[in-house]
Amino acid sequence: MTKAQSVIPDTTTRLFWVPLLFYSPDTKIGGGAAGVVTFVGSPFRSSITFGLAYTQRKQFLIYFPYQLYSQNQKWRLYGEIGWYRFFYQYYGIGNKYPNSFSEGFTAKFPRVRSTLLRHINGPQFAGVRLFLDDFDIVEIAEAGEIAQGNDPGAKGGLASSLGAVWLLDTRDIQFYPGDGWLNENAKIRPNLGAGLRFEFDRKQHLHMRLDYGFGKGKGNSGAYLTIGEAF
């Protein structure tokens, strides 16, 4: 039994949200709402975070990051579902471009990112991870680099990847732990799925993340520190 399993679960459903109002040169004035819903899970509370925003430049973002824990403590499901229409900067590919080069474009795309893990023993979990982004480039600079269509992704495309994940979680609580580690390792293989139009130089990559919770005591007296993350 892990330290987190000794915590009595909170069975209530709670909602916290705030209105959003912001400004930036890329968006002008924007507004929306963001918040989180938490509900029963084991050993930690499950949560669905949400965000919704619209800007004067007709940009739209809606996203739902989630972390779900089964009550029998055997399964974990986390990731993000979203849809975006947003402005981005393209800085060129390779060393021929000066540091001052940038070219704006607008892309819209749905996003699915999901990791499903099953408990194997002690604080260890293992499972699979799926990433899907289906890009559509809707606004570009006339006669710019993207308009020439020579660079990968200039015409949009489906980026997908699938991989294996191993997780070690010894935290005593989910947020601001007083003790314990969170260590996630994932080996991801991109370029999977029908309709793929993006190409990557590397066939596989390794994602590693190591976090540590520490503090003077247990519960909310601790802090949560990312020791390292590498791809």
C-alpha atoms as a PDB file:
ATOM      1  CA  MET A   1       0.000   0.000   0.000  1.00  0.00           C
ATOM      2  CA  THR A   2       1.362   3.416  -0.970  1.00  0.00           C
ATOM      3  CA  LYS A   3       1.282   6.487   1.245  1.00  0.00           C
ATOM      4  CA  ALA A   4      -1.503   7.965  -0.879  1.00  0.00           C
ATOM      5  CA  GLN A   5      -3.721   4.898  -0.360  1.00  0.00           C
ATOM      6  CA  SER A   6      -4.031   5.609   3.356  1.00  0.00           C
ATOM      7  CA  VAL A   7      -5.833   8.939   2.669  1.00  0.00           C
ATOM      8  CA  ILE A   8      -9.618   8.856   3.189  1.00  0.00           C
ATOM      9  CA  PRO A   9     -11.197   9.912  -0.140  1.00  0.00           C
ATOM     10  CA  ASP A  10     -13.369  13.020  -0.367  1.00  0.00           C
ATOM     11  CA  THR A  11     -16.683  11.948  -1.949  1.00  0.00           C
ATOM     12  CA  THR A  12     -18.039  15.448  -2.697  1.00  0.00           C
ATOM     13  CA  THR A  13     -18.141  17.077  -6.145  1.00  0.00           C
ATOM     14  CA  ARG A  14     -16.698  20.582  -6.246  1.00  0.00           C
ATOM     15  CA  LEU A  15     -16.537  23.314  -8.879  1.00  0.00           C
ATOM     16  CA  PHE A  16     -14.255  26.337  -8.972  1.00  0.00           C
ATOM     17  CA  TRP A  17     -14.189  28.779 -11.902  1.00  0.00           C
ATOM     18  CA  VAL A  18     -13.131  32.326 -12.741  1.00  0.00           C
ATOM     19  CA  PRO A  19     -13.899  34.712 -15.629  1.00  0.00           C
ATOM     20  CA  LEU A  20     -11.027  35.612 -17.954  1.00  0.00           C
ATOM     21  CA  LEU A  21     -10.147  38.969 -19.483  1.00  0.00           C
ATOM     22  CA  PHE A  22      -6.808  39.523 -21.193  1.00  0.00           C
ATOM     23  CA  TYR A  23      -4.932  41.441 -23.864  1.00  0.00           C
ATOM     24  CA  SER A  24      -1.853  40.778 -25.993  1.00  0.00           C
ATOM     25  CA  PRO A  25      -0.625  42.107 -29.346  1.00  0.00           C
ATOM     26  CA  ASP A  26      -1.326  38.712 -30.949  1.00  0.00           C
ATOM     27  CA  THR A  27      -4.882  38.415 -29.621  1.00  0.00           C
ATOM     28  CA  LYS A  28      -6.037  41.966 -28.817  1.00  0.00           C
ATOM     29  CA  ILE A  29      -8.800  41.810 -26.180  1.00  0.00           C
ATOM     30  CA  GLY A  30      -9.987  38.357 -25.213  1.00  0.00           C
ATOM     31  CA  GLY A  31     -12.321  36.878 -22.671  1.00  0.00           C
ATOM     32  CA  GLY A  32     -13.741  33.631 -21.432  1.00  0.00           C
ATOM     33  CA  ALA A  33     -13.786  31.402 -18.396  1.00  0.00           C
ATOM     34  CA  ALA A  34     -11.640  28.725 -16.773  1.00  0.00           C
ATOM     35  CA  GLY A  35     -12.062  26.375 -13.853  1.00  0.00           C
ATOM     36  CA  VAL A  36     -11.907  22.873 -12.498  1.00  0.00           C
ATOM     37  CA  VAL A  37     -14.381  20.215 -11.373  1.00  0.00           C
ATOM     38  CA  THR A  38     -13.150  17.658  -8.853  1.00  0.00           C
ATOM     39  CA  PHE A  39     -14.922  14.493  -7.779  1.00  0.00           C
ATOM     40  CA  VAL A  40     -14.329  11.187  -6.046  1.00  0.00           C
ATOM     41  CA  GLY A  41     -11.401   9.019  -7.062  1.00  0.00           C
ATOM     42  CA  SER A  42      -8.829   6.838  -5.359  1.00  0.00           C
ATOM     43  CA  PRO A  43      -6.176   7.325  -4.112  1.00  0.00           C
ATOM     44  CA  PHE A  44      -6.525  10.943  -5.364  1.00  0.00           C
ATOM     45  CA  ARG A  45      -9.507  13.050  -6.409  1.00  0.00           C
ATOM     46  CA  SER A  46     -10.375  13.003 -10.090  1.00  0.00           C
ATOM     47  CA  SER A  47     -10.512  16.329 -11.883  1.00  0.00           C
ATOM     48  CA  ILE A  48     -11.563  17.901 -15.176  1.00  0.00           C
ATOM     49  CA  THR A  49     -10.099  21.329 -15.848  1.00  0.00           C
ATOM     50  CA  PHE A  50     -11.722  23.530 -18.478  1.00  0.00           C
ATOM     51  CA  GLY A  51     -10.901  26.675 -20.374  1.00  0.00           C
ATOM     52  CA  LEU A  52     -12.858  28.674 -22.938  1.00  0.00           C
ATOM     53  CA  ALA A  53     -11.684  31.886 -24.592  1.00  0.00           C
ATOM     54  CA  TYR A  54     -12.476  34.080 -27.612  1.00  0.00           C
ATOM     55  CA  THR A  55     -10.521  37.092 -28.887  1.00  0.00           C
ATOM     56  CA  GLN A  56     -11.072  40.153 -31.084  1.00  0.00           C
ATOM     57  CA  ARG A  57      -9.017  38.448 -33.785  1.00  0.00           C
ATOM     58  CA  LYS A  58     -11.555  35.606 -33.981  1.00  0.00           C
ATOM     59  CA  GLN A  59      -9.314  33.183 -32.138  1.00  0.00           C
ATOM     60  CA  PHE A  60     -11.035  30.460 -30.182  1.00  0.00           C
ATOM     61  CA  LEU A  61      -9.750  28.030 -27.566  1.00  0.00           C
ATOM     62  CA  ILE A  62     -11.633  25.331 -25.698  1.00  0.00           C
ATOM     63  CA  TYR A  63      -9.798  22.636 -23.769  1.00  0.00           C
ATOM     64  CA  PHE A  64     -10.440  20.031 -21.094  1.00  0.00           C
ATOM     65  CA  PRO A  65      -7.354  18.608 -19.353  1.00  0.00           C
ATOM     66  CA  TYR A  66      -8.390  15.685 -17.150  1.00  0.00           C
ATOM     67  CA  GLN A  67      -7.055  13.308 -14.503  1.00  0.00           C
ATOM     68  CA  LEU A  68      -9.318  10.392 -13.643  1.00  0.00           C
ATOM     69  CA  TYR A  69      -8.667   7.816 -10.913  1.00  0.00           C
ATOM     70  CA  SER A  70     -10.793   4.671 -10.575  1.00  0.00           C
ATOM     71  CA  GLN A  71     -12.188   4.019  -7.110  1.00  0.00           C
ATOM     72  CA  ASN A  72     -10.602   0.562  -7.001  1.00  0.00           C
ATOM     73  CA  GLN A  73      -7.166   2.259  -7.455  1.00  0.00           C
ATOM     74  CA  LYS A  74      -6.326   0.071 -10.453  1.00  0.00           C
ATOM     75  CA  TRP A  75      -6.729   2.548 -13.336  1.00  0.00           C
ATOM     76  CA  ARG A  76      -5.607   6.083 -14.178  1.00  0.00           C
ATOM     77  CA  LEU A  77      -6.616   8.080 -17.233  1.00  0.00           C
ATOM     78  CA  TYR A  78      -5.230  11.555 -17.913  1.00  0.00           C
ATOM     79  CA  GLY A  79      -4.644  13.899 -20.815  1.00  0.00           C
ATOM     80  CA  GLU A  80      -6.413  16.672 -22.720  1.00  0.00           C
ATOM     81  CA  ILE A  81      -9.245  17.104 -25.222  1.00  0.00           C
ATOM     82  CA  GLY A  82      -9.494  20.440 -26.984  1.00  0.00           C
ATOM     83  CA  TRP A  83     -10.150  22.501 -30.088  1.00  0.00           C
ATOM     84  CA  TYR A  84      -8.091  25.531 -31.023  1.00  0.00           C
ATOM     85  CA  ARG A  85      -8.072  28.315 -33.581  1.00  0.00           C
ATOM     86  CA  PHE A  86      -5.088  30.427 -32.714  1.00  0.00           C
ATOM     87  CA  PHE A  87      -2.272  32.617 -33.999  1.00  0.00           C
ATOM     88  CA  TYR A  88       1.297  31.263 -34.005  1.00  0.00           C
ATOM     89  CA  GLN A  89       4.736  32.432 -35.096  1.00  0.00           C
ATOM     90  CA  TYR A  90       6.893  30.531 -37.577  1.00  0.00           C
ATOM     91  CA  TYR A  91      10.638  31.086 -37.117  1.00  0.00           C
ATOM     92  CA  GLY A  92      11.965  29.042 -40.012  1.00  0.00           C
ATOM     93  CA  ILE A  93      13.770  25.703 -40.156  1.00  0.00           C
ATOM     94  CA  GLY A  94      17.543  25.546 -40.156  1.00  0.00           C
ATOM     95  CA  ASN A  95      20.357  28.038 -39.633  1.00  0.00           C
ATOM     96  CA  LYS A  96      19.760  30.174 -42.715  1.00  0.00           C
ATOM     97  CA  TYR A  97      17.173  32.318 -40.921  1.00  0.00           C
ATOM     98  CA  PRO A  98      18.289  35.278 -38.780  1.00  0.00           C
ATOM     99  CA  ASN A  99      17.172  35.495 -35.164  1.00  0.00           C
ATOM    100  CA  SER A 100      14.872  38.357 -36.079  1.00  0.00           C
ATOM    101  CA  PHE A 101      12.860  36.297 -38.593  1.00  0.00           C
ATOM    102  CA  SER A 102       9.251  35.450 -37.768  1.00  0.00           C
ATOM    103  CA  GLU A 103       6.106  34.897 -39.778  1.00  0.00           C
ATOM    104  CA  GLY A 104       2.625  34.776 -38.346  1.00  0.00           C
ATOM    105  CA  PHE A 105      -0.020  32.206 -39.243  1.00  0.00           C
ATOM    106  CA  THR A 106      -3.329  30.952 -37.872  1.00  0.00           C
ATOM    107  CA  ALA A 107      -4.076  27.267 -37.419  1.00  0.00           C
ATOM    108  CA  LYS A 108      -7.152  25.430 -36.230  1.00  0.00           C
ATOM    109  CA  PHE A 109      -7.032  21.898 -34.919  1.00  0.00           C
ATOM    110  CA  PRO A 110      -8.652  19.380 -32.595  1.00  0.00           C
ATOM    111  CA  ARG A 111      -6.403  17.797 -29.980  1.00  0.00           C
ATOM    112  CA  VAL A 112      -6.606  14.455 -28.203  1.00  0.00           C
ATOM    113  CA  ARG A 113      -3.930  13.497 -25.684  1.00  0.00           C
ATOM    114  CA  SER A 114      -4.612  10.525 -23.479  1.00  0.00           C
ATOM    115  CA  THR A 115      -2.637   8.211 -21.194  1.00  0.00           C
ATOM    116  CA  LEU A 116      -4.243   5.060 -19.778  1.00  0.00           C
ATOM    117  CA  LEU A 117      -2.387   3.295 -16.955  1.00  0.00           C
ATOM    118  CA  ARG A 118      -3.086   0.171 -14.905  1.00  0.00           C
ATOM    119  CA  HIS A 119      -1.672  -0.602 -11.486  1.00  0.00           C
ATOM    120  CA  ILE A 120       0.944  -3.370 -11.607  1.00  0.00           C
ATOM    121  CA  ASN A 121       2.356  -3.465  -8.056  1.00  0.00           C
ATOM    122  CA  GLY A 122       3.149  -1.115  -5.183  1.00  0.00           C
ATOM    123  CA  PRO A 123       3.374   2.481  -6.480  1.00  0.00           C
ATOM    124  CA  GLN A 124       3.972   1.397 -10.102  1.00  0.00           C
ATOM    125  CA  PHE A 125       1.648   1.804 -13.098  1.00  0.00           C
ATOM    126  CA  ALA A 126       2.096   0.956 -16.772  1.00  0.00           C
ATOM    127  CA  GLY A 127       0.069   1.604 -19.903  1.00  0.00           C
ATOM    128  CA  VAL A 128      -0.188   3.411 -23.226  1.00  0.00           C
ATOM    129  CA  ARG A 129      -0.221   7.009 -24.475  1.00  0.00           C
ATOM    130  CA  LEU A 130      -1.898   8.435 -27.588  1.00  0.00           C
ATOM    131  CA  PHE A 131      -1.421  11.912 -29.079  1.00  0.00           C
ATOM    132  CA  LEU A 132      -3.458  13.302 -32.005  1.00  0.00           C
ATOM    133  CA  ASP A 133      -3.346  16.839 -33.477  1.00  0.00           C
ATOM    134  CA  ASP A 134      -5.049  17.474 -36.824  1.00  0.00           C
ATOM    135  CA  PHE A 135      -3.775  20.837 -38.083  1.00  0.00           C
ATOM    136  CA  ASP A 136      -5.442  23.020 -40.699  1.00  0.00           C
ATOM    137  CA  ILE A 137      -3.575  26.208 -41.669  1.00  0.00           C
ATOM    138  CA  VAL A 138      -6.296  28.805 -42.298  1.00  0.00           C
ATOM    139  CA  GLU A 139      -4.451  32.157 -42.485  1.00  0.00           C
ATOM    140  CA  ILE A 140      -0.918  32.841 -43.747  1.00  0.00           C
ATOM    141  CA  ALA A 141       1.165  35.775 -44.898  1.00  0.00           C
ATOM    142  CA  GLU A 142       0.950  36.381 -48.640  1.00  0.00           C
ATOM    143  CA  ALA A 143       4.171  35.455 -50.461  1.00  0.00           C
ATOM    144  CA  GLY A 144       5.676  34.244 -47.186  1.00  0.00           C
ATOM    145  CA  GLU A 145       7.666  31.111 -46.421  1.00  0.00           C
ATOM    146  CA  ILE A 146       4.569  29.120 -45.442  1.00  0.00           C
ATOM    147  CA  ALA A 147       2.736  30.161 -48.611  1.00  0.00           C
ATOM    148  CA  GLN A 148       5.473  28.515 -50.688  1.00  0.00           C
ATOM    149  CA  GLY A 149       4.485  25.168 -49.206  1.00  0.00           C
ATOM    150  CA  ASN A 150       8.003  23.738 -49.065  1.00  0.00           C
ATOM    151  CA  ASP A 151       8.394  23.200 -45.318  1.00  0.00           C
ATOM    152  CA  PRO A 152       6.937  20.208 -43.451  1.00  0.00           C
ATOM    153  CA  GLY A 153       3.458  21.003 -42.149  1.00  0.00           C
ATOM    154  CA  ALA A 154       3.010  24.097 -44.332  1.00  0.00           C
ATOM    155  CA  LYS A 155      -0.272  22.666 -45.635  1.00  0.00           C
ATOM    156  CA  GLY A 156      -1.395  21.299 -42.300  1.00  0.00           C
ATOM    157  CA  GLY A 157      -1.591  17.641 -41.428  1.00  0.00           C
ATOM    158  CA  LEU A 158      -2.308  14.966 -38.881  1.00  0.00           C
ATOM    159  CA  ALA A 159       0.360  14.478 -36.217  1.00  0.00           C
ATOM    160  CA  SER A 160      -0.122  11.285 -34.230  1.00  0.00           C
ATOM    161  CA  SER A 161       1.962   9.186 -31.870  1.00  0.00           C
ATOM    162  CA  LEU A 162       1.607   6.103 -29.713  1.00  0.00           C
ATOM    163  CA  GLY A 163       3.844   4.830 -26.944  1.00  0.00           C
ATOM    164  CA  ALA A 164       4.336   2.960 -23.701  1.00  0.00           C
ATOM    165  CA  VAL A 165       4.333   4.667 -20.286  1.00  0.00           C
ATOM    166  CA  TRP A 166       5.668   3.600 -16.879  1.00  0.00           C
ATOM    167  CA  LEU A 167       4.755   5.630 -13.778  1.00  0.00           C
ATOM    168  CA  LEU A 168       6.079   5.549 -10.215  1.00  0.00           C
ATOM    169  CA  ASP A 169       3.959   7.568  -7.744  1.00  0.00           C
ATOM    170  CA  THR A 170       4.735   7.631  -4.012  1.00  0.00           C
ATOM    171  CA  ARG A 171       3.216  11.053  -3.200  1.00  0.00           C
ATOM    172  CA  ASP A 172       1.277  11.251   0.051  1.00  0.00           C
ATOM    173  CA  ILE A 173      -1.299  13.634  -1.491  1.00  0.00           C
ATOM    174  CA  GLN A 174      -2.020  14.915  -4.992  1.00  0.00           C
ATOM    175  CA  PHE A 175      -1.358  18.649  -4.583  1.00  0.00           C
ATOM    176  CA  TYR A 176       1.517  20.148  -2.553  1.00  0.00           C
ATOM    177  CA  PRO A 177       2.695  16.759  -1.248  1.00  0.00           C
ATOM    178  CA  GLY A 178       4.675  16.580   1.962  1.00  0.00           C
ATOM    179  CA  ASP A 179       6.584  13.510   0.823  1.00  0.00           C
ATOM    180  CA  GLY A 180       7.055  11.239  -2.172  1.00  0.00           C
ATOM    181  CA  TRP A 181       8.097  11.048  -5.815  1.00  0.00           C
ATOM    182  CA  LEU A 182       6.331  11.208  -9.165  1.00  0.00           C
ATOM    183  CA  ASN A 183       8.431   9.648 -11.922  1.00  0.00           C
ATOM    184  CA  GLU A 184       6.945   9.235 -15.400  1.00  0.00           C
ATOM    185  CA  ASN A 185       8.778   7.616 -18.316  1.00  0.00           C
ATOM    186  CA  ALA A 186       7.341   7.296 -21.819  1.00  0.00           C
ATOM    187  CA  LYS A 187       8.747   5.851 -25.028  1.00  0.00           C
ATOM    188  CA  ILE A 188       6.838   7.441 -27.894  1.00  0.00           C
ATOM    189  CA  ARG A 189       6.684   6.409 -31.534  1.00  0.00           C
ATOM    190  CA  PRO A 190       5.376   9.180 -33.844  1.00  0.00           C
ATOM    191  CA  ASN A 191       3.968   8.900 -37.370  1.00  0.00           C
ATOM    192  CA  LEU A 192       1.165   6.478 -36.573  1.00  0.00           C
ATOM    193  CA  GLY A 193      -2.313   6.419 -38.025  1.00  0.00           C
ATOM    194  CA  ALA A 194      -3.981   6.794 -41.403  1.00  0.00           C
ATOM    195  CA  GLY A 195      -3.902  10.185 -43.082  1.00  0.00           C
ATOM    196  CA  LEU A 196      -0.569  11.279 -41.624  1.00  0.00           C
ATOM    197  CA  ARG A 197       1.033  14.140 -43.552  1.00  0.00           C
ATOM    198  CA  PHE A 198       3.710  15.274 -41.099  1.00  0.00           C
ATOM    199  CA  GLU A 199       7.158  13.689 -41.131  1.00  0.00           C
ATOM    200  CA  PHE A 200       9.682  13.671 -38.307  1.00  0.00           C
ATOM    201  CA  ASP A 201      13.446  13.204 -38.464  1.00  0.00           C
ATOM    202  CA  ARG A 202      13.440  10.819 -35.504  1.00  0.00           C
ATOM    203  CA  LYS A 203      11.390   7.633 -35.542  1.00  0.00           C
ATOM    204  CA  GLN A 204      11.134   7.465 -31.755  1.00  0.00           C
ATOM    205  CA  HIS A 205      11.794   9.629 -28.728  1.00  0.00           C
ATOM    206  CA  LEU A 206      11.974   9.070 -25.002  1.00  0.00           C
ATOM    207  CA  HIS A 207      10.129  11.302 -22.553  1.00  0.00           C
ATOM    208  CA  MET A 208      11.224  11.279 -18.909  1.00  0.00           C
ATOM    209  CA  ARG A 209       9.937  13.392 -16.022  1.00  0.00           C
ATOM    210  CA  LEU A 210      10.978  13.262 -12.386  1.00  0.00           C
ATOM    211  CA  ASP A 211       9.161  15.178  -9.634  1.00  0.00           C
ATOM    212  CA  TYR A 212       9.654  15.238  -5.868  1.00  0.00           C
ATOM    213  CA  GLY A 213       7.328  16.279  -3.075  1.00  0.00           C
ATOM    214  CA  PHE A 214       8.855  17.473   0.168  1.00  0.00           C
ATOM    215  CA  GLY A 215       8.057  19.514   3.266  1.00  0.00           C
ATOM    216  CA  LYS A 216       8.271  19.749   7.033  1.00  0.00           C
ATOM    217  CA  GLY A 217       5.274  17.516   7.541  1.00  0.00           C
ATOM    218  CA  LYS A 218       2.483  15.736   5.751  1.00  0.00           C
ATOM    219  CA  GLY A 219      -0.477  17.134   3.875  1.00  0.00           C
ATOM    220  CA  ASN A 220      -0.582  20.662   2.498  1.00  0.00           C
ATOM    221  CA  SER A 221       2.662  21.749   4.164  1.00  0.00           C
ATOM    222  CA  GLY A 222       4.794  20.428   1.322  1.00  0.00           C
ATOM    223  CA  ALA A 223       5.956  21.588  -2.092  1.00  0.00           C
ATOM    224  CA  TYR A 224       6.085  19.967  -5.508  1.00  0.00           C
ATOM    225  CA  LEU A 225       9.292  20.290  -7.549  1.00  0.00           C
ATOM    226  CA  THR A 226      10.072  19.063 -11.046  1.00  0.00           C
ATOM    227  CA  ILE A 227      13.624  17.715 -10.775  1.00  0.00           C
ATOM    228  CA  GLY A 228      13.980  17.189 -14.495  1.00  0.00           C
ATOM    229  CA  GLU A 229      12.201  16.599 -17.787  1.00  0.00           C
ATOM    230  CA  ALA A 230      13.765  15.450 -21.028  1.00  0.00           C
ATOM    231  CA  PHE A 231      12.600  14.384 -24.482  1.00  0.00           C
END
